[in-house]
Amino acid sequence: MSADGSRITIVHACLRDGRGGSPTAVMEEAPLTDGERRRVPVLMGTSHAVFVSAHDGPDGPAAALRFFTAEGELPACGHGTVAALAFLAERAGGGEHRTTLHTSGRAFAGRAVPQNGTITASFDTGPVDLREPTAIERDLVLPALDVTPDILMPGTRIAAVGRPRLLIPVATRSALAALDPDQERLRAACDRLGLLGCYVYSMPESTGRAAARMFAPSIGVPEDIANANSTACLAADLADRGVTGVTVDMGDRLGTPSTITATTRPGPPGPLVRLSGAARITRVLCLP
């Protein structure tokens, strides 16, 4: 690891009522190898790290983002994008901050608004691909997740924004909270099927609120405190059923509550999803 005193900003992304959120390491781009980038979340005690290269683009502020876990690079990360937008807004100072973000060949607009000690960030996720899972995918994954037929609801999907993951609806929040996955078996199944992980959610209430848990041992995250891109996938799936938005609570089983909101609007080739979440910068550290 380069011993250059590089600063790491810890951002808690996707807060719930000003509390909790997923701690995320945010760092300005530096000459690190991919192996060194994988070490950053380990050293900082976070699940993810975001590397930000800010510059002036033809239409104003712009930034390229790269996302890493201990296992390697990700093409996209929703709560990491929320954290990066909060970092950029804090660095810019003042009020609302808009920037064009670049990740894995995709450019999209991001917005961050400071208010009452937190920063609310929002961005468009890009298209979401949805399909029915195969029988093999269901049979390998559901038993490893501890999802039994008595709690499974109709509507399991494979969804992709970046990498594919399995979306699995269960009947109630209590059934969701009781899940106890076999992490080794789940990792083996996800590795075999090329899945990022599995997003298990409770059926949305009449208010549009739901709960979810994201299990992703294949990327070194047994359970994610917040997974915004999977929430975008859920919103796109619900849009096909006439639901235009959902607010999802996560992190409760980990003692760190988080909340993500996703809204949809019509667009080619399918629903367009906008994610939003609140964030707070909690501390700045020096990289060893």
C-alpha atoms as a PDB file:
ATOM      1  CA  MET A   1       0.000   0.000   0.000  1.00  0.00           C
ATOM      2  CA  SER A   2       1.297   3.417  -0.909  1.00  0.00           C
ATOM      3  CA  ALA A   3       2.279   5.281   2.260  1.00  0.00           C
ATOM      4  CA  ASP A   4       1.400   8.774   1.055  1.00  0.00           C
ATOM      5  CA  GLY A   5      -0.943   9.894   3.820  1.00  0.00           C
ATOM      6  CA  SER A   6      -3.940   9.752   1.453  1.00  0.00           C
ATOM      7  CA  ARG A   7      -7.159  10.850   3.110  1.00  0.00           C
ATOM      8  CA  ILE A   8     -10.182   8.571   3.406  1.00  0.00           C
ATOM      9  CA  THR A   9     -13.602  10.067   4.047  1.00  0.00           C
ATOM     10  CA  ILE A  10     -16.106   7.790   5.779  1.00  0.00           C
ATOM     11  CA  VAL A  11     -19.635   8.483   4.591  1.00  0.00           C
ATOM     12  CA  HIS A  12     -22.694   6.810   6.103  1.00  0.00           C
ATOM     13  CA  ALA A  13     -24.955   6.357   3.084  1.00  0.00           C
ATOM     14  CA  CYS A  14     -28.719   5.751   3.027  1.00  0.00           C
ATOM     15  CA  LEU A  15     -29.509   6.959   6.545  1.00  0.00           C
ATOM     16  CA  ARG A  16     -32.878   6.327   8.165  1.00  0.00           C
ATOM     17  CA  ASP A  17     -34.236   9.371   9.972  1.00  0.00           C
ATOM     18  CA  GLY A  18     -30.678  10.675  10.299  1.00  0.00           C
ATOM     19  CA  ARG A  19     -29.311   7.459  11.840  1.00  0.00           C
ATOM     20  CA  GLY A  20     -27.467   4.353  10.717  1.00  0.00           C
ATOM     21  CA  GLY A  21     -26.569   4.064   7.046  1.00  0.00           C
ATOM     22  CA  SER A  22     -23.882   2.005   5.364  1.00  0.00           C
ATOM     23  CA  PRO A  23     -20.326   3.172   6.227  1.00  0.00           C
ATOM     24  CA  THR A  24     -18.505   3.668   2.925  1.00  0.00           C
ATOM     25  CA  ALA A  25     -14.867   4.649   2.355  1.00  0.00           C
ATOM     26  CA  VAL A  26     -14.518   7.441  -0.212  1.00  0.00           C
ATOM     27  CA  MET A  27     -11.106   8.411  -1.549  1.00  0.00           C
ATOM     28  CA  GLU A  28      -9.880  10.746  -4.251  1.00  0.00           C
ATOM     29  CA  GLU A  29      -8.296   8.847  -7.128  1.00  0.00           C
ATOM     30  CA  ALA A  30      -4.697   7.866  -6.392  1.00  0.00           C
ATOM     31  CA  PRO A  31      -2.006   5.690  -8.038  1.00  0.00           C
ATOM     32  CA  LEU A  32      -3.023   2.442  -6.328  1.00  0.00           C
ATOM     33  CA  THR A  33      -3.064  -1.049  -7.766  1.00  0.00           C
ATOM     34  CA  ASP A  34      -6.346  -2.956  -7.795  1.00  0.00           C
ATOM     35  CA  GLY A  35      -4.964  -5.117  -4.998  1.00  0.00           C
ATOM     36  CA  GLU A  36      -4.351  -2.025  -2.902  1.00  0.00           C
ATOM     37  CA  ARG A  37      -7.848  -0.742  -3.676  1.00  0.00           C
ATOM     38  CA  ARG A  38      -9.302  -4.021  -2.399  1.00  0.00           C
ATOM     39  CA  ARG A  39      -7.457  -3.487   0.867  1.00  0.00           C
ATOM     40  CA  VAL A  40      -9.008  -0.064   1.508  1.00  0.00           C
ATOM     41  CA  PRO A  41     -12.433  -1.318   2.686  1.00  0.00           C
ATOM     42  CA  VAL A  42     -10.689  -3.934   4.830  1.00  0.00           C
ATOM     43  CA  LEU A  43      -8.459  -1.343   6.494  1.00  0.00           C
ATOM     44  CA  MET A  44     -11.353   1.081   6.973  1.00  0.00           C
ATOM     45  CA  GLY A  45     -13.815  -1.526   8.272  1.00  0.00           C
ATOM     46  CA  THR A  46     -16.348  -0.844   5.511  1.00  0.00           C
ATOM     47  CA  SER A  47     -17.993  -3.160   3.002  1.00  0.00           C
ATOM     48  CA  HIS A  48     -17.191  -0.935  -0.001  1.00  0.00           C
ATOM     49  CA  ALA A  49     -14.752   1.740  -1.121  1.00  0.00           C
ATOM     50  CA  VAL A  50     -15.311   4.375  -3.804  1.00  0.00           C
ATOM     51  CA  PHE A  51     -12.499   6.074  -5.707  1.00  0.00           C
ATOM     52  CA  VAL A  52     -13.450   9.484  -7.098  1.00  0.00           C
ATOM     53  CA  SER A  53     -11.729  11.355  -9.923  1.00  0.00           C
ATOM     54  CA  ALA A  54     -13.384  14.797 -10.118  1.00  0.00           C
ATOM     55  CA  HIS A  55     -12.843  17.161 -13.044  1.00  0.00           C
ATOM     56  CA  ASP A  56     -14.534  19.917 -15.028  1.00  0.00           C
ATOM     57  CA  GLY A  57     -16.544  18.468 -17.887  1.00  0.00           C
ATOM     58  CA  PRO A  58     -17.994  20.251 -20.931  1.00  0.00           C
ATOM     59  CA  ASP A  59     -21.302  20.720 -19.095  1.00  0.00           C
ATOM     60  CA  GLY A  60     -19.932  21.484 -15.642  1.00  0.00           C
ATOM     61  CA  PRO A  61     -18.630  19.368 -12.746  1.00  0.00           C
ATOM     62  CA  ALA A  62     -17.982  15.700 -13.535  1.00  0.00           C
ATOM     63  CA  ALA A  63     -16.481  12.720 -11.723  1.00  0.00           C
ATOM     64  CA  ALA A  64     -15.421   9.192 -12.602  1.00  0.00           C
ATOM     65  CA  LEU A  65     -16.194   6.555  -9.962  1.00  0.00           C
ATOM     66  CA  ARG A  66     -14.698   3.126  -9.286  1.00  0.00           C
ATOM     67  CA  PHE A  67     -16.119   0.749  -6.677  1.00  0.00           C
ATOM     68  CA  PHE A  68     -14.272  -2.000  -4.798  1.00  0.00           C
ATOM     69  CA  THR A  69     -14.972  -4.582  -2.129  1.00  0.00           C
ATOM     70  CA  ALA A  70     -12.387  -6.879  -0.576  1.00  0.00           C
ATOM     71  CA  GLU A  71     -13.061  -9.337  -3.413  1.00  0.00           C
ATOM     72  CA  GLY A  72     -12.582  -6.967  -6.347  1.00  0.00           C
ATOM     73  CA  GLU A  73     -14.081  -4.238  -8.510  1.00  0.00           C
ATOM     74  CA  LEU A  74     -17.803  -3.746  -9.107  1.00  0.00           C
ATOM     75  CA  PRO A  75     -19.233  -2.118 -12.253  1.00  0.00           C
ATOM     76  CA  ALA A  76     -21.794  -0.202 -10.169  1.00  0.00           C
ATOM     77  CA  CYS A  77     -22.725   0.444  -6.536  1.00  0.00           C
ATOM     78  CA  GLY A  78     -25.825   2.391  -5.566  1.00  0.00           C
ATOM     79  CA  HIS A  79     -25.026   3.309  -1.982  1.00  0.00           C
ATOM     80  CA  GLY A  80     -21.429   3.974  -3.062  1.00  0.00           C
ATOM     81  CA  THR A  81     -22.786   6.489  -5.578  1.00  0.00           C
ATOM     82  CA  VAL A  82     -24.827   8.154  -2.816  1.00  0.00           C
ATOM     83  CA  ALA A  83     -21.642   8.350  -0.714  1.00  0.00           C
ATOM     84  CA  ALA A  84     -19.635   9.794  -3.615  1.00  0.00           C
ATOM     85  CA  LEU A  85     -22.254  12.469  -4.294  1.00  0.00           C
ATOM     86  CA  ALA A  86     -22.230  13.470  -0.615  1.00  0.00           C
ATOM     87  CA  PHE A  87     -18.413  13.643  -0.707  1.00  0.00           C
ATOM     88  CA  LEU A  88     -18.456  15.831  -3.830  1.00  0.00           C
ATOM     89  CA  ALA A  89     -21.121  18.147  -2.419  1.00  0.00           C
ATOM     90  CA  GLU A  90     -19.187  18.579   0.818  1.00  0.00           C
ATOM     91  CA  ARG A  91     -16.016  19.351  -1.107  1.00  0.00           C
ATOM     92  CA  ALA A  92     -17.822  21.890  -3.324  1.00  0.00           C
ATOM     93  CA  GLY A  93     -19.314  23.677  -0.315  1.00  0.00           C
ATOM     94  CA  GLY A  94     -22.475  25.747  -0.418  1.00  0.00           C
ATOM     95  CA  GLY A  95     -25.863  24.413  -1.429  1.00  0.00           C
ATOM     96  CA  GLU A  96     -27.141  22.074  -4.118  1.00  0.00           C
ATOM     97  CA  HIS A  97     -24.452  20.322  -6.140  1.00  0.00           C
ATOM     98  CA  ARG A  98     -24.997  18.744  -9.546  1.00  0.00           C
ATOM     99  CA  THR A  99     -22.439  16.630 -11.350  1.00  0.00           C
ATOM    100  CA  THR A 100     -22.130  14.209 -14.235  1.00  0.00           C
ATOM    101  CA  LEU A 101     -20.965  10.795 -13.029  1.00  0.00           C
ATOM    102  CA  HIS A 102     -19.073   8.234 -15.111  1.00  0.00           C
ATOM    103  CA  THR A 103     -19.020   4.522 -14.176  1.00  0.00           C
ATOM    104  CA  SER A 104     -18.081   1.592 -16.423  1.00  0.00           C
ATOM    105  CA  GLY A 105     -18.739   3.454 -19.647  1.00  0.00           C
ATOM    106  CA  ARG A 106     -22.031   5.009 -18.498  1.00  0.00           C
ATOM    107  CA  ALA A 107     -22.572   8.735 -17.869  1.00  0.00           C
ATOM    108  CA  PHE A 108     -25.500   9.983 -15.784  1.00  0.00           C
ATOM    109  CA  ALA A 109     -26.563  12.991 -13.736  1.00  0.00           C
ATOM    110  CA  GLY A 110     -26.269  13.128  -9.951  1.00  0.00           C
ATOM    111  CA  ARG A 111     -27.633  15.680  -7.497  1.00  0.00           C
ATOM    112  CA  ALA A 112     -26.851  16.325  -3.833  1.00  0.00           C
ATOM    113  CA  VAL A 113     -28.652  18.764  -1.524  1.00  0.00           C
ATOM    114  CA  PRO A 114     -27.317  19.546   1.989  1.00  0.00           C
ATOM    115  CA  GLN A 115     -30.001  20.081   4.614  1.00  0.00           C
ATOM    116  CA  ASN A 116     -29.990  19.985   8.417  1.00  0.00           C
ATOM    117  CA  GLY A 117     -26.625  18.257   8.734  1.00  0.00           C
ATOM    118  CA  THR A 118     -27.243  15.569   6.121  1.00  0.00           C
ATOM    119  CA  ILE A 119     -26.931  15.440   2.345  1.00  0.00           C
ATOM    120  CA  THR A 120     -29.705  13.940   0.203  1.00  0.00           C
ATOM    121  CA  ALA A 121     -28.287  12.433  -2.987  1.00  0.00           C
ATOM    122  CA  SER A 122     -30.184  11.186  -6.028  1.00  0.00           C
ATOM    123  CA  PHE A 123     -29.321   9.772  -9.444  1.00  0.00           C
ATOM    124  CA  ASP A 124     -30.727   7.721 -12.336  1.00  0.00           C
ATOM    125  CA  THR A 125     -29.604   4.109 -12.394  1.00  0.00           C
ATOM    126  CA  GLY A 126     -29.907   3.406 -16.098  1.00  0.00           C
ATOM    127  CA  PRO A 127     -31.901   0.519 -17.580  1.00  0.00           C
ATOM    128  CA  VAL A 128     -32.720  -2.551 -15.498  1.00  0.00           C
ATOM    129  CA  ASP A 129     -32.859  -5.956 -17.182  1.00  0.00           C
ATOM    130  CA  LEU A 130     -35.445  -8.385 -15.765  1.00  0.00           C
ATOM    131  CA  ARG A 131     -36.164 -12.013 -16.535  1.00  0.00           C
ATOM    132  CA  GLU A 132     -37.655 -15.122 -14.991  1.00  0.00           C
ATOM    133  CA  PRO A 133     -35.149 -17.358 -13.144  1.00  0.00           C
ATOM    134  CA  THR A 134     -34.529 -20.871 -14.382  1.00  0.00           C
ATOM    135  CA  ALA A 135     -35.470 -23.884 -12.295  1.00  0.00           C
ATOM    136  CA  ILE A 136     -31.762 -24.530 -11.629  1.00  0.00           C
ATOM    137  CA  GLU A 137     -31.272 -20.976 -10.367  1.00  0.00           C
ATOM    138  CA  ARG A 138     -34.215 -21.260  -7.998  1.00  0.00           C
ATOM    139  CA  ASP A 139     -33.301 -24.758  -6.782  1.00  0.00           C
ATOM    140  CA  LEU A 140     -29.686 -23.834  -6.032  1.00  0.00           C
ATOM    141  CA  VAL A 141     -30.319 -20.526  -4.308  1.00  0.00           C
ATOM    142  CA  LEU A 142     -33.588 -20.705  -2.369  1.00  0.00           C
ATOM    143  CA  PRO A 143     -32.581 -23.550   0.007  1.00  0.00           C
ATOM    144  CA  ALA A 144     -29.229 -21.853   0.681  1.00  0.00           C
ATOM    145  CA  LEU A 145     -31.109 -18.685   1.634  1.00  0.00           C
ATOM    146  CA  ASP A 146     -33.427 -20.542   4.033  1.00  0.00           C
ATOM    147  CA  VAL A 147     -36.439 -19.414   1.939  1.00  0.00           C
ATOM    148  CA  THR A 148     -39.055 -22.152   2.295  1.00  0.00           C
ATOM    149  CA  PRO A 149     -42.215 -22.603   0.178  1.00  0.00           C
ATOM    150  CA  ASP A 150     -44.489 -21.453   3.009  1.00  0.00           C
ATOM    151  CA  ILE A 151     -42.978 -17.926   3.037  1.00  0.00           C
ATOM    152  CA  LEU A 152     -42.051 -17.582  -0.666  1.00  0.00           C
ATOM    153  CA  MET A 153     -44.362 -15.303  -2.659  1.00  0.00           C
ATOM    154  CA  PRO A 154     -44.824 -15.215  -6.443  1.00  0.00           C
ATOM    155  CA  GLY A 155     -42.532 -12.916  -8.402  1.00  0.00           C
ATOM    156  CA  THR A 156     -38.932 -14.163  -8.082  1.00  0.00           C
ATOM    157  CA  ARG A 157     -36.812 -12.436 -10.749  1.00  0.00           C
ATOM    158  CA  ILE A 158     -33.274 -12.180 -12.057  1.00  0.00           C
ATOM    159  CA  ALA A 159     -32.480  -8.468 -12.292  1.00  0.00           C
ATOM    160  CA  ALA A 160     -29.402  -6.677 -13.561  1.00  0.00           C
ATOM    161  CA  VAL A 161     -28.131  -3.131 -13.271  1.00  0.00           C
ATOM    162  CA  GLY A 162     -24.431  -3.794 -13.518  1.00  0.00           C
ATOM    163  CA  ARG A 163     -24.307  -7.463 -12.433  1.00  0.00           C
ATOM    164  CA  PRO A 164     -27.309  -9.802 -12.141  1.00  0.00           C
ATOM    165  CA  ARG A 165     -28.845 -10.658  -8.804  1.00  0.00           C
ATOM    166  CA  LEU A 166     -31.874 -12.646  -7.650  1.00  0.00           C
ATOM    167  CA  LEU A 167     -34.902 -10.762  -6.284  1.00  0.00           C
ATOM    168  CA  ILE A 168     -36.970 -12.932  -3.928  1.00  0.00           C
ATOM    169  CA  PRO A 169     -40.260 -11.828  -2.320  1.00  0.00           C
ATOM    170  CA  VAL A 170     -41.327 -13.265   1.028  1.00  0.00           C
ATOM    171  CA  ALA A 171     -44.645 -12.860   2.785  1.00  0.00           C
ATOM    172  CA  THR A 172     -43.814 -10.688   5.810  1.00  0.00           C
ATOM    173  CA  ARG A 173     -41.132  -8.621   7.502  1.00  0.00           C
ATOM    174  CA  SER A 174     -40.961 -11.191  10.296  1.00  0.00           C
ATOM    175  CA  ALA A 175     -40.268 -13.988   7.790  1.00  0.00           C
ATOM    176  CA  LEU A 176     -37.531 -11.841   6.268  1.00  0.00           C
ATOM    177  CA  ALA A 177     -35.965 -11.121   9.660  1.00  0.00           C
ATOM    178  CA  ALA A 178     -35.916 -14.835  10.551  1.00  0.00           C
ATOM    179  CA  LEU A 179     -33.842 -15.909   7.529  1.00  0.00           C
ATOM    180  CA  ASP A 180     -30.548 -17.587   8.395  1.00  0.00           C
ATOM    181  CA  PRO A 181     -28.707 -18.317   5.117  1.00  0.00           C
ATOM    182  CA  ASP A 182     -25.960 -20.881   4.741  1.00  0.00           C
ATOM    183  CA  GLN A 183     -23.303 -18.435   3.540  1.00  0.00           C
ATOM    184  CA  GLU A 184     -20.874 -21.030   2.152  1.00  0.00           C
ATOM    185  CA  ARG A 185     -23.601 -22.810   0.231  1.00  0.00           C
ATOM    186  CA  LEU A 186     -24.998 -19.499  -1.010  1.00  0.00           C
ATOM    187  CA  ARG A 187     -21.595 -18.323  -2.191  1.00  0.00           C
ATOM    188  CA  ALA A 188     -21.066 -21.547  -4.101  1.00  0.00           C
ATOM    189  CA  ALA A 189     -24.475 -21.189  -5.766  1.00  0.00           C
ATOM    190  CA  CYS A 190     -23.917 -17.526  -6.683  1.00  0.00           C
ATOM    191  CA  ASP A 191     -20.421 -18.267  -8.007  1.00  0.00           C
ATOM    192  CA  ARG A 192     -21.760 -21.084 -10.160  1.00  0.00           C
ATOM    193  CA  LEU A 193     -24.610 -18.954 -11.522  1.00  0.00           C
ATOM    194  CA  GLY A 194     -22.643 -15.708 -11.923  1.00  0.00           C
ATOM    195  CA  LEU A 195     -24.868 -13.791  -9.513  1.00  0.00           C
ATOM    196  CA  LEU A 196     -23.830 -10.752  -7.507  1.00  0.00           C
ATOM    197  CA  GLY A 197     -26.048 -11.944  -4.674  1.00  0.00           C
ATOM    198  CA  CYS A 198     -29.631 -12.293  -3.505  1.00  0.00           C
ATOM    199  CA  TYR A 199     -32.026  -9.517  -2.479  1.00  0.00           C
ATOM    200  CA  VAL A 200     -34.849 -10.877  -0.350  1.00  0.00           C
ATOM    201  CA  TYR A 201     -37.693  -8.460   0.340  1.00  0.00           C
ATOM    202  CA  SER A 202     -41.027  -8.341   2.117  1.00  0.00           C
ATOM    203  CA  MET A 203     -44.113  -7.583   0.060  1.00  0.00           C
ATOM    204  CA  PRO A 204     -44.623  -3.790  -0.056  1.00  0.00           C
ATOM    205  CA  GLU A 205     -47.286  -2.382   2.233  1.00  0.00           C
ATOM    206  CA  SER A 206     -50.111  -0.124   1.018  1.00  0.00           C
ATOM    207  CA  THR A 207     -47.876   2.860   1.831  1.00  0.00           C
ATOM    208  CA  GLY A 208     -45.246   1.602  -0.636  1.00  0.00           C
ATOM    209  CA  ARG A 209     -42.821   0.661   2.143  1.00  0.00           C
ATOM    210  CA  ALA A 210     -40.998  -2.667   2.295  1.00  0.00           C
ATOM    211  CA  ALA A 211     -38.028  -4.288   4.016  1.00  0.00           C
ATOM    212  CA  ALA A 212     -35.129  -6.131   2.392  1.00  0.00           C
ATOM    213  CA  ARG A 213     -31.921  -8.007   3.121  1.00  0.00           C
ATOM    214  CA  MET A 214     -29.111  -8.363   0.587  1.00  0.00           C
ATOM    215  CA  PHE A 215     -26.792 -11.382   0.835  1.00  0.00           C
ATOM    216  CA  ALA A 216     -23.662 -11.185  -1.340  1.00  0.00           C
ATOM    217  CA  PRO A 217     -20.923 -13.510  -0.020  1.00  0.00           C
ATOM    218  CA  SER A 218     -19.424 -13.814  -3.523  1.00  0.00           C
ATOM    219  CA  ILE A 219     -18.211 -10.194  -3.311  1.00  0.00           C
ATOM    220  CA  GLY A 220     -17.131 -10.514   0.312  1.00  0.00           C
ATOM    221  CA  VAL A 221     -20.305  -9.039   1.826  1.00  0.00           C
ATOM    222  CA  PRO A 222     -22.288 -11.718   3.725  1.00  0.00           C
ATOM    223  CA  GLU A 223     -25.074  -9.167   4.328  1.00  0.00           C
ATOM    224  CA  ASP A 224     -25.181  -5.597   3.038  1.00  0.00           C
ATOM    225  CA  ILE A 225     -26.400  -2.780   5.285  1.00  0.00           C
ATOM    226  CA  ALA A 226     -27.839  -0.966   2.251  1.00  0.00           C
ATOM    227  CA  ASN A 227     -28.082  -2.037  -1.369  1.00  0.00           C
ATOM    228  CA  ALA A 228     -29.495   0.737  -3.492  1.00  0.00           C
ATOM    229  CA  ASN A 229     -29.034  -0.822  -6.934  1.00  0.00           C
ATOM    230  CA  SER A 230     -31.006  -3.899  -5.893  1.00  0.00           C
ATOM    231  CA  THR A 231     -33.724  -1.544  -4.652  1.00  0.00           C
ATOM    232  CA  ALA A 232     -33.703   0.019  -8.132  1.00  0.00           C
ATOM    233  CA  CYS A 233     -34.151  -3.464  -9.586  1.00  0.00           C
ATOM    234  CA  LEU A 234     -37.125  -4.025  -7.296  1.00  0.00           C
ATOM    235  CA  ALA A 235     -38.651  -0.696  -8.326  1.00  0.00           C
ATOM    236  CA  ALA A 236     -38.320  -1.600 -12.007  1.00  0.00           C
ATOM    237  CA  ASP A 237     -40.003  -4.943 -11.370  1.00  0.00           C
ATOM    238  CA  LEU A 238     -42.828  -3.317  -9.385  1.00  0.00           C
ATOM    239  CA  ALA A 239     -43.323  -0.733 -12.152  1.00  0.00           C
ATOM    240  CA  ASP A 240     -44.414  -3.565 -14.437  1.00  0.00           C
ATOM    241  CA  ARG A 241     -47.150  -4.226 -11.868  1.00  0.00           C
ATOM    242  CA  GLY A 242     -48.310  -0.605 -11.741  1.00  0.00           C
ATOM    243  CA  VAL A 243     -46.300   0.559  -8.684  1.00  0.00           C
ATOM    244  CA  THR A 244     -44.375   3.803  -9.297  1.00  0.00           C
ATOM    245  CA  GLY A 245     -42.221   3.935  -6.191  1.00  0.00           C
ATOM    246  CA  VAL A 246     -40.979   2.044  -3.165  1.00  0.00           C
ATOM    247  CA  THR A 247     -39.157   2.900   0.057  1.00  0.00           C
ATOM    248  CA  VAL A 248     -37.088   0.044   1.442  1.00  0.00           C
ATOM    249  CA  ASP A 249     -35.725  -0.430   4.966  1.00  0.00           C
ATOM    250  CA  MET A 250     -32.530  -2.460   5.323  1.00  0.00           C
ATOM    251  CA  GLY A 251     -29.814  -3.111   7.917  1.00  0.00           C
ATOM    252  CA  ASP A 252     -32.046  -3.822  10.920  1.00  0.00           C
ATOM    253  CA  ARG A 253     -30.676  -7.319  11.518  1.00  0.00           C
ATOM    254  CA  LEU A 254     -27.186  -5.768  11.529  1.00  0.00           C
ATOM    255  CA  GLY A 255     -28.147  -3.080  14.039  1.00  0.00           C
ATOM    256  CA  THR A 256     -27.573  -0.310  11.473  1.00  0.00           C
ATOM    257  CA  PRO A 257     -30.863   0.905   9.999  1.00  0.00           C
ATOM    258  CA  SER A 258     -30.851   2.254   6.452  1.00  0.00           C
ATOM    259  CA  THR A 259     -33.489   3.390   3.988  1.00  0.00           C
ATOM    260  CA  ILE A 260     -33.471   3.779   0.200  1.00  0.00           C
ATOM    261  CA  THR A 261     -36.184   5.298  -2.002  1.00  0.00           C
ATOM    262  CA  ALA A 262     -36.672   4.417  -5.664  1.00  0.00           C
ATOM    263  CA  THR A 263     -39.175   5.994  -8.032  1.00  0.00           C
ATOM    264  CA  THR A 264     -39.936   5.070 -11.633  1.00  0.00           C
ATOM    265  CA  ARG A 265     -41.176   6.768 -14.770  1.00  0.00           C
ATOM    266  CA  PRO A 266     -41.873   5.367 -18.251  1.00  0.00           C
ATOM    267  CA  GLY A 267     -39.000   5.238 -20.678  1.00  0.00           C
ATOM    268  CA  PRO A 268     -37.498   3.134 -23.422  1.00  0.00           C
ATOM    269  CA  PRO A 269     -36.816   0.272 -23.305  1.00  0.00           C
ATOM    270  CA  GLY A 270     -38.448  -0.025 -19.861  1.00  0.00           C
ATOM    271  CA  PRO A 271     -39.002   1.866 -16.620  1.00  0.00           C
ATOM    272  CA  LEU A 272     -36.449   4.526 -15.700  1.00  0.00           C
ATOM    273  CA  VAL A 273     -35.468   4.408 -12.037  1.00  0.00           C
ATOM    274  CA  ARG A 274     -34.274   7.240  -9.818  1.00  0.00           C
ATOM    275  CA  LEU A 275     -32.636   6.379  -6.501  1.00  0.00           C
ATOM    276  CA  SER A 276     -32.299   8.657  -3.518  1.00  0.00           C
ATOM    277  CA  GLY A 277     -30.822   8.372  -0.045  1.00  0.00           C
ATOM    278  CA  ALA A 278     -29.556  10.592   2.744  1.00  0.00           C
ATOM    279  CA  ALA A 279     -25.908  10.581   3.802  1.00  0.00           C
ATOM    280  CA  ARG A 280     -23.645  12.062   6.434  1.00  0.00           C
ATOM    281  CA  ILE A 281     -19.875  12.466   6.451  1.00  0.00           C
ATOM    282  CA  THR A 282     -18.744  11.143   9.816  1.00  0.00           C
ATOM    283  CA  ARG A 283     -14.947  11.299   9.836  1.00  0.00           C
ATOM    284  CA  VAL A 284     -11.787  11.696   7.755  1.00  0.00           C
ATOM    285  CA  LEU A 285      -8.865   9.314   8.248  1.00  0.00           C
ATOM    286  CA  CYS A 286      -5.401   8.868   6.781  1.00  0.00           C
ATOM    287  CA  LEU A 287      -4.721   5.722   4.808  1.00  0.00           C
ATOM    288  CA  PRO A 288      -1.917   3.699   6.398  1.00  0.00           C
END
